[in-house]
């Protein structure tokens, strides 16, 4: 039974760590796409639609921020499951088998998505690009010619 419990723990830990990689990919896409759009809006080639491009880049960063928060909330479910395994580690014959799917749904319902949006590991760097895009669109829009 200990081997089965250890295998479950290793699998959960692997999934938990994989979410960090995905978060970095989301952050990379958010910054690259949004800042490239902002830079393009201030080039001569965009023309009269420059302000709209800046607004859209801020919105795109906001979408990546939301997606990052969803991923973080999923990751936190696995963290809580890992903590539960560590607290109740027992290798006895009367122990039930793994219940990953049943536990996941119950734990996920306990998380509040809006709380996760405010974690620094989630809102950075997305909020920077959102604020930059909104500020530029409102106060320093690209010149239309």
Protein backbone atom coordinates (compact mmCIF):
# COMPACT_ATOMS: atom_id res chain seq x y z
CA UNK A 1 0.00 0.00 0.00
CA UNK A 2 2.91 2.35 0.66
CA UNK A 3 4.07 2.00 -2.94
CA UNK A 4 0.64 2.97 -4.21
CA UNK A 5 0.49 5.97 -1.88
CA UNK A 6 3.98 7.07 -2.92
CA UNK A 7 3.05 6.73 -6.61
CA UNK A 8 0.00 8.92 -6.05
CA UNK A 9 2.11 11.50 -4.23
CA UNK A 10 4.71 11.56 -7.03
CA UNK A 11 2.04 11.93 -9.70
CA UNK A 12 0.31 14.78 -7.83
CA UNK A 13 3.62 16.54 -7.23
CA UNK A 14 4.54 16.25 -10.91
CA UNK A 15 1.23 17.78 -11.95
CA UNK A 16 1.62 20.53 -9.33
CA UNK A 17 5.08 21.47 -10.63
CA UNK A 18 3.95 21.39 -14.28
CA UNK A 19 1.57 24.27 -13.56
CA UNK A 20 4.57 26.52 -12.83
CA UNK A 21 5.89 25.89 -16.34
CA UNK A 22 2.50 26.70 -17.84
CA UNK A 23 2.27 29.91 -15.83
CA UNK A 24 5.63 31.07 -17.17
CA UNK A 25 4.50 30.32 -20.73
CA UNK A 26 1.31 32.36 -20.18
CA UNK A 27 3.28 35.26 -18.76
CA UNK A 28 5.71 35.15 -21.67
CA UNK A 29 2.91 35.20 -24.25
CA UNK A 30 1.07 37.94 -22.39
CA UNK A 31 4.02 40.30 -22.27
CA UNK A 32 5.29 39.52 -25.76
CA UNK A 33 1.95 39.80 -27.52
CA UNK A 34 0.69 42.84 -25.64
CA UNK A 35 3.88 44.88 -25.70
CA UNK A 36 4.43 44.06 -29.37
CA UNK A 37 0.91 45.32 -30.13
CA UNK A 38 1.54 48.51 -28.15
CA UNK A 39 4.82 49.07 -29.98
CA UNK A 40 3.08 48.47 -33.31
CA UNK A 41 0.38 50.98 -32.41
CA UNK A 42 2.98 53.71 -32.09
CA UNK A 43 4.63 52.89 -35.39
CA UNK A 44 3.71 54.77 -38.54
CA UNK A 45 2.10 51.75 -40.17
CA UNK A 46 -0.95 51.40 -37.88
CA UNK A 47 -2.56 54.72 -38.70
CA UNK A 48 -5.95 55.71 -37.31
CA UNK A 49 -6.60 52.42 -35.53
CA UNK A 50 -3.70 52.89 -33.12
CA UNK A 51 -5.83 53.64 -30.07
CA UNK A 52 -7.92 50.54 -30.69
CA UNK A 53 -4.76 48.43 -30.95
CA UNK A 54 -3.58 49.75 -27.58
CA UNK A 55 -6.97 48.97 -26.00
CA UNK A 56 -6.90 45.48 -27.50
CA UNK A 57 -3.39 44.83 -26.18
CA UNK A 58 -4.52 45.79 -22.68
CA UNK A 59 -7.52 43.50 -23.05
CA UNK A 60 -5.31 40.66 -24.28
CA UNK A 61 -3.08 41.01 -21.22
CA UNK A 62 -6.23 40.94 -19.08
CA UNK A 63 -7.33 37.68 -20.71
CA UNK A 64 -3.92 36.14 -20.05
CA UNK A 65 -4.18 37.33 -16.44
CA UNK A 66 -7.54 35.57 -16.05
CA UNK A 67 -6.19 32.43 -17.65
CA UNK A 68 -3.16 32.51 -15.36
CA UNK A 69 -5.49 32.82 -12.36
CA UNK A 70 -7.48 29.79 -13.52
CA UNK A 71 -4.25 27.79 -13.83
CA UNK A 72 -3.11 28.93 -10.37
CA UNK A 73 -6.45 27.94 -8.83
CA UNK A 74 -6.10 24.49 -10.41
CA UNK A 75 -2.55 24.23 -9.08
CA UNK A 76 -3.67 25.16 -5.57
CA UNK A 77 -6.08 22.23 -5.60
CA UNK A 78 -3.18 19.86 -6.16
CA UNK A 79 -1.20 21.61 -3.42
CA UNK A 80 -4.00 21.06 -0.94
CA UNK A 81 -4.25 17.41 -1.98
CA UNK A 82 -0.49 16.99 -1.47
CA UNK A 83 -0.75 18.59 1.96
CA UNK A 84 -3.58 16.21 2.82
CA UNK A 85 -1.48 13.21 1.83
CA UNK A 86 1.44 14.46 3.89
CA UNK A 87 -0.70 15.05 6.97
CA UNK A 88 -2.43 11.69 6.77
CA UNK A 89 0.46 9.55 5.60
CA UNK A 90 -0.25 6.03 6.81
CA UNK A 91 0.53 2.72 5.21
CA UNK A 92 -2.07 0.46 6.73
CA UNK A 93 -3.98 -2.41 5.17
CA UNK A 94 -7.37 -0.81 5.89
CA UNK A 95 -6.61 2.30 3.86
CA UNK A 96 -8.80 3.21 0.89
CA UNK A 97 -7.32 3.47 -2.59
CA UNK A 98 -6.45 6.75 -4.26
CA UNK A 99 -9.34 9.15 -4.78
CA UNK A 100 -7.69 11.87 -6.85
CA UNK A 101 -10.71 12.80 -8.96
CA UNK A 102 -13.16 12.84 -6.05
CA UNK A 103 -10.78 14.90 -3.93
CA UNK A 104 -9.99 17.34 -6.73
CA UNK A 105 -13.59 18.41 -7.27
CA UNK A 106 -14.28 18.82 -3.56
CA UNK A 107 -11.12 20.85 -2.98
CA UNK A 108 -11.61 23.04 -6.07
CA UNK A 109 -15.04 24.13 -4.86
CA UNK A 110 -13.40 25.51 -1.72
CA UNK A 111 -11.19 27.99 -3.62
CA UNK A 112 -12.35 31.49 -4.47
CA UNK A 113 -11.21 32.52 -7.93
CA UNK A 114 -11.22 36.26 -7.17
CA UNK A 115 -8.74 35.69 -4.35
CA UNK A 116 -6.35 33.95 -6.72
CA UNK A 117 -6.49 36.93 -9.13
CA UNK A 118 -4.74 39.05 -6.48
CA UNK A 119 -1.79 36.71 -5.85
CA UNK A 120 1.44 38.44 -6.93
CA UNK A 121 2.53 35.26 -8.69
CA UNK A 122 -0.62 35.58 -10.83
CA UNK A 123 -1.11 39.30 -11.48
CA UNK A 124 2.52 40.05 -12.32
CA UNK A 125 3.42 40.93 -15.10
CA UNK A 126 -0.10 41.01 -16.59
CA UNK A 127 -1.32 43.95 -14.52
CA UNK A 128 1.67 46.02 -15.65
CA UNK A 129 0.73 45.59 -19.30
CA UNK A 130 -2.98 46.19 -18.61
CA UNK A 131 -2.24 49.44 -16.77
CA UNK A 132 0.29 50.52 -19.39
CA UNK A 133 -2.14 49.86 -22.24
CA UNK A 134 -5.06 51.65 -20.58
CA UNK A 135 -2.86 54.58 -19.57
CA UNK A 136 -1.42 54.97 -23.04
CA UNK A 137 -4.83 54.66 -24.70
CA UNK A 138 -6.35 57.31 -22.42
CA UNK A 139 -3.53 59.82 -21.99
CA UNK A 140 -1.05 59.27 -24.84
CA UNK A 141 -2.92 57.70 -27.75
CA UNK A 142 -0.98 57.02 -30.95
CA UNK A 143 -1.13 59.84 -33.48
CA UNK A 144 -3.48 59.25 -36.35
CA UNK A 145 -2.49 60.77 -39.65
